[in-house]
Amino acid sequence: MKTILSIFAYCISLLISAQNLNGAWVNKNDRSSILILVQDNYFTRTVFTPTEFVESVGGTFEIKDDQIRINLEFDTALNQLGTFDLEYELNDDVLTVDYLKFTRADDGSAPLAGVWQISGRNDKDGNFTEIKHTGTRKTLKLLTGTYFQWFAIDPGKKEFYGTGGGTYTFKDGKYTENIEFFSKDNSRVGASLNFEDKIENGKWNHTGLSSKGEPLNEVWQKVE
């Protein structure tokens, strides 16, 4: 009985630790910002300045005692994918990883919080097309309570196609993204994009204009 209770307590401690990491974490100075987003056992870590996208990594993770075991699915700087262990320390709203301290910006609680995969969009002629996912290429969007990041990647081929992110708001069907970094075109930083959004049957319907000003109609499905 003691062994069973010990295993149960250990599993609960892992669950609590993972939940406590959910949200957005920021390390910021006069020159650059480092943003860590954690939601539903997925994470991203992005470095950027007001004038430049520097790098981003991301993937899945699990808690192992006082370490985070990460499985990198993309790495824009070194492209060294695989499994790595990192020590971390969490004290209230301060997360320490690799000797850097990050302050909690939100706790990952929001209607849209989660990891979403695009499942359909309008084509160039305005016709809606369902996206059939084959192979390992995927476009994901990670949302915490107030931050978002999308990324198009192919872990199987070790290919990265682009990413962007920043803060967002969602209220009464009105969704707004405020872009803080964009890997392909830094001139889009500072823009605010407004959308009409709703969640129906577990699908996120996303309608408005893209950062290029083109009509956009997308459907996203939450990754479980």
Protein backbone atom coordinates (compact mmCIF):
# COMPACT_ATOMS: atom_id res chain seq x y z
CA MET A 1 0.00 0.00 0.00
CA LYS A 2 2.82 2.38 0.86
CA THR A 3 4.43 1.80 -2.54
CA ILE A 4 1.16 2.46 -4.36
CA LEU A 5 0.60 5.66 -2.40
CA SER A 6 4.16 6.78 -3.10
CA ILE A 7 3.73 6.20 -6.85
CA PHE A 8 0.40 8.04 -6.77
CA ALA A 9 1.92 11.00 -4.92
CA TYR A 10 4.83 11.09 -7.38
CA CYS A 11 2.47 11.13 -10.39
CA ILE A 12 0.42 13.92 -8.82
CA SER A 13 3.59 15.96 -8.20
CA LEU A 14 4.56 15.60 -11.87
CA LEU A 15 1.11 16.73 -12.98
CA ILE A 16 1.16 19.74 -10.67
CA SER A 17 4.64 20.73 -11.86
CA ALA A 18 3.59 20.54 -15.52
CA GLN A 19 0.48 22.59 -14.83
CA ASN A 20 2.47 25.21 -12.93
CA LEU A 21 4.75 25.69 -15.92
CA ASN A 22 1.82 26.51 -18.21
CA GLY A 23 1.76 30.08 -19.44
CA ALA A 24 4.11 32.73 -20.77
CA TRP A 25 7.52 33.50 -19.27
CA VAL A 26 9.61 36.57 -20.15
CA ASN A 27 13.25 37.56 -19.75
CA LYS A 28 13.75 41.09 -21.05
CA ASN A 29 16.53 43.66 -21.09
CA ASP A 30 17.32 46.83 -23.02
CA ARG A 31 18.55 44.90 -26.07
CA SER A 32 16.45 41.77 -26.46
CA SER A 33 13.57 39.66 -25.19
CA ILE A 34 13.43 35.92 -24.54
CA LEU A 35 9.91 34.51 -24.52
CA ILE A 36 9.06 31.01 -23.32
CA LEU A 37 5.54 29.72 -23.99
CA VAL A 38 4.38 26.52 -22.27
CA GLN A 39 1.00 24.91 -22.82
CA ASP A 40 -0.30 21.34 -22.72
CA ASN A 41 3.18 19.74 -22.68
CA TYR A 42 4.42 21.81 -25.64
CA PHE A 43 6.84 24.74 -25.45
CA THR A 44 8.58 27.36 -27.54
CA ARG A 45 11.54 29.58 -26.67
CA THR A 46 12.11 32.63 -28.85
CA VAL A 47 14.73 35.38 -28.85
CA PHE A 48 14.01 38.67 -30.60
CA THR A 49 14.73 42.39 -30.55
CA PRO A 50 12.53 45.28 -31.69
CA THR A 51 14.26 45.15 -35.08
CA GLU A 52 15.26 41.50 -35.53
CA PHE A 53 14.05 37.94 -35.12
CA VAL A 54 17.03 36.05 -33.65
CA GLU A 55 16.04 32.42 -33.07
CA SER A 56 13.35 30.04 -31.87
CA VAL A 57 13.15 26.44 -30.70
CA GLY A 58 10.19 24.30 -29.72
CA GLY A 59 8.81 20.85 -29.10
CA THR A 60 7.21 18.60 -26.53
CA PHE A 61 8.39 18.08 -22.96
CA GLU A 62 7.86 16.15 -19.76
CA ILE A 63 8.94 16.74 -16.17
CA LYS A 64 11.54 14.37 -14.72
CA ASP A 65 12.28 15.21 -11.07
CA ASP A 66 14.08 18.58 -11.21
CA GLN A 67 14.68 18.38 -14.94
CA ILE A 68 12.69 19.13 -18.05
CA ARG A 69 13.14 16.47 -20.74
CA ILE A 70 12.48 18.18 -24.05
CA ASN A 71 12.04 16.72 -27.51
CA LEU A 72 12.98 19.45 -29.97
CA GLU A 73 10.87 19.55 -33.14
CA PHE A 74 12.48 22.69 -34.53
CA ASP A 75 15.57 24.80 -33.90
CA THR A 76 16.10 27.79 -36.17
CA ALA A 77 19.69 28.43 -35.04
CA LEU A 78 21.47 25.07 -34.86
CA ASN A 79 18.84 22.64 -36.19
CA GLN A 80 19.95 20.11 -33.60
CA LEU A 81 16.75 18.18 -33.00
CA GLY A 82 16.34 15.38 -30.49
CA THR A 83 15.89 14.81 -26.77
CA PHE A 84 17.66 16.94 -24.17
CA ASP A 85 17.47 17.37 -20.39
CA LEU A 86 17.50 20.80 -18.77
CA GLU A 87 17.54 21.61 -15.08
CA TYR A 88 14.95 24.10 -13.94
CA GLU A 89 13.74 25.77 -10.77
CA LEU A 90 10.30 27.24 -10.17
CA ASN A 91 9.76 29.65 -7.28
CA ASP A 92 6.33 31.26 -7.30
CA ASP A 93 6.27 33.31 -10.52
CA VAL A 94 9.98 33.05 -11.34
CA LEU A 95 11.29 30.24 -13.57
CA THR A 96 15.04 29.62 -13.79
CA VAL A 97 16.35 27.70 -16.81
CA ASP A 98 19.99 27.65 -17.95
CA TYR A 99 20.82 30.20 -15.23
CA LEU A 100 18.38 32.69 -16.74
CA LYS A 101 15.40 33.94 -14.75
CA PHE A 102 12.02 34.32 -16.42
CA THR A 103 9.04 36.15 -14.93
CA ARG A 104 5.55 34.76 -15.43
CA ALA A 105 3.44 36.89 -17.79
CA ASP A 106 0.32 34.70 -17.59
CA ASP A 107 -0.72 31.32 -16.21
CA GLY A 108 -2.04 29.75 -19.41
CA SER A 109 -5.71 30.14 -18.49
CA ALA A 110 -7.92 31.30 -21.37
CA PRO A 111 -10.63 29.89 -23.69
CA LEU A 112 -8.16 29.59 -26.59
CA ALA A 113 -5.18 28.39 -24.54
CA GLY A 114 -3.72 25.24 -26.04
CA VAL A 115 -1.84 23.88 -29.03
CA TRP A 116 -3.76 24.07 -32.32
CA GLN A 117 -3.04 22.56 -35.74
CA ILE A 118 -4.43 24.10 -38.90
CA SER A 119 -6.96 21.80 -40.56
CA GLY A 120 -8.39 23.92 -43.38
CA ARG A 121 -8.17 27.29 -45.18
CA ASN A 122 -9.27 29.27 -48.21
CA ASP A 123 -7.16 28.77 -51.31
CA LYS A 124 -6.03 31.64 -53.56
CA ASP A 125 -9.37 31.59 -55.36
CA GLY A 126 -11.36 31.87 -52.15
CA ASN A 127 -12.43 28.22 -52.05
CA PHE A 128 -12.21 26.51 -48.68
CA THR A 129 -10.01 23.42 -48.70
CA GLU A 130 -9.50 20.86 -45.97
CA ILE A 131 -5.84 20.22 -45.24
CA LYS A 132 -4.90 16.54 -45.32
CA HIS A 133 -1.93 16.00 -43.07
CA THR A 134 0.58 13.56 -44.50
CA GLY A 135 4.14 13.02 -43.41
CA THR A 136 5.56 15.11 -40.58
CA ARG A 137 5.04 18.63 -41.91
CA LYS A 138 2.66 20.71 -39.78
CA THR A 139 1.63 24.23 -38.88
CA LEU A 140 0.88 24.74 -35.20
CA LYS A 141 -0.23 27.69 -33.11
CA LEU A 142 0.49 27.73 -29.37
CA LEU A 143 -1.61 30.06 -27.22
CA THR A 144 -1.22 30.75 -23.51
CA GLY A 145 -3.38 33.20 -21.59
CA THR A 146 -2.14 36.31 -23.42
CA TYR A 147 0.60 35.21 -25.85
CA PHE A 148 0.60 33.30 -29.14
CA GLN A 149 3.12 31.82 -31.55
CA TRP A 150 2.57 30.02 -34.84
CA PHE A 151 5.24 27.91 -36.53
CA ALA A 152 5.41 25.90 -39.74
CA ILE A 153 7.84 22.98 -39.44
CA ASP A 154 8.72 19.49 -40.63
CA PRO A 155 10.51 17.63 -37.82
CA GLY A 156 10.99 14.52 -39.95
CA LYS A 157 12.96 16.48 -42.55
CA LYS A 158 14.45 18.92 -40.04
CA GLU A 159 12.95 21.81 -41.95
CA PHE A 160 11.65 25.13 -40.65
CA TYR A 161 9.41 27.37 -42.78
CA GLY A 162 8.52 30.32 -40.58
CA THR A 163 7.17 31.62 -37.28
CA GLY A 164 5.61 34.69 -35.75
CA GLY A 165 4.06 35.68 -32.48
CA GLY A 166 3.28 38.21 -29.80
CA THR A 167 0.33 39.02 -27.57
CA TYR A 168 -3.37 38.50 -28.25
CA THR A 169 -6.80 39.30 -26.87
CA PHE A 170 -10.05 37.40 -27.35
CA LYS A 171 -13.39 38.74 -26.19
CA ASP A 172 -16.96 38.54 -27.52
CA GLY A 173 -15.80 36.80 -30.70
CA LYS A 174 -13.21 39.49 -31.44
CA TYR A 175 -9.66 38.18 -31.66
CA THR A 176 -6.67 40.53 -32.03
CA GLU A 177 -3.03 39.61 -32.55
CA ASN A 178 -0.26 42.13 -31.77
CA ILE A 179 2.86 41.01 -33.61
CA GLU A 180 6.14 41.23 -31.66
CA PHE A 181 8.32 39.01 -33.89
CA PHE A 182 8.08 37.60 -37.41
CA SER A 183 10.86 35.44 -38.84
CA LYS A 184 10.32 36.24 -42.52
CA ASP A 185 9.61 39.97 -42.46
CA ASN A 186 10.41 42.18 -39.49
CA SER A 187 8.44 45.07 -41.02
CA ARG A 188 5.29 43.33 -39.79
CA VAL A 189 6.33 43.77 -36.17
CA GLY A 190 4.06 46.27 -34.43
CA ALA A 191 1.02 45.46 -36.54
CA SER A 192 -2.30 44.52 -34.95
CA LEU A 193 -4.52 42.08 -36.82
CA ASN A 194 -8.23 41.82 -36.07
CA PHE A 195 -10.33 38.70 -36.65
CA GLU A 196 -13.79 37.30 -36.11
CA ASP A 197 -13.33 34.04 -34.23
CA LYS A 198 -15.48 31.34 -32.69
CA ILE A 199 -15.08 27.82 -31.34
CA GLU A 200 -17.57 25.23 -32.55
CA ASN A 201 -17.41 21.47 -31.92
CA GLY A 202 -13.80 21.75 -30.80
CA LYS A 203 -12.78 23.67 -33.93
CA TRP A 204 -11.45 27.23 -33.96
CA ASN A 205 -12.83 29.26 -36.88
CA HIS A 206 -10.55 32.19 -37.68
CA THR A 207 -11.66 34.85 -40.21
CA GLY A 208 -10.18 38.22 -41.19
CA LEU A 209 -7.23 39.66 -43.11
CA SER A 210 -3.69 38.27 -43.05
CA SER A 211 -0.59 40.35 -42.29
CA LYS A 212 -0.38 40.91 -46.07
CA GLY A 213 -3.92 42.32 -46.09
CA GLU A 214 -5.33 39.30 -47.91
CA PRO A 215 -8.66 37.62 -46.97
CA LEU A 216 -8.09 34.78 -44.55
CA ASN A 217 -10.40 32.02 -43.40
CA GLU A 218 -8.81 29.22 -41.38
CA VAL A 219 -9.97 26.34 -39.21
CA TRP A 220 -7.74 25.05 -36.43
CA GLN A 221 -8.12 21.81 -34.46
CA LYS A 222 -6.77 21.47 -30.93
CA VAL A 223 -3.95 18.97 -30.53
CA GLU A 224 -4.79 16.54 -27.74
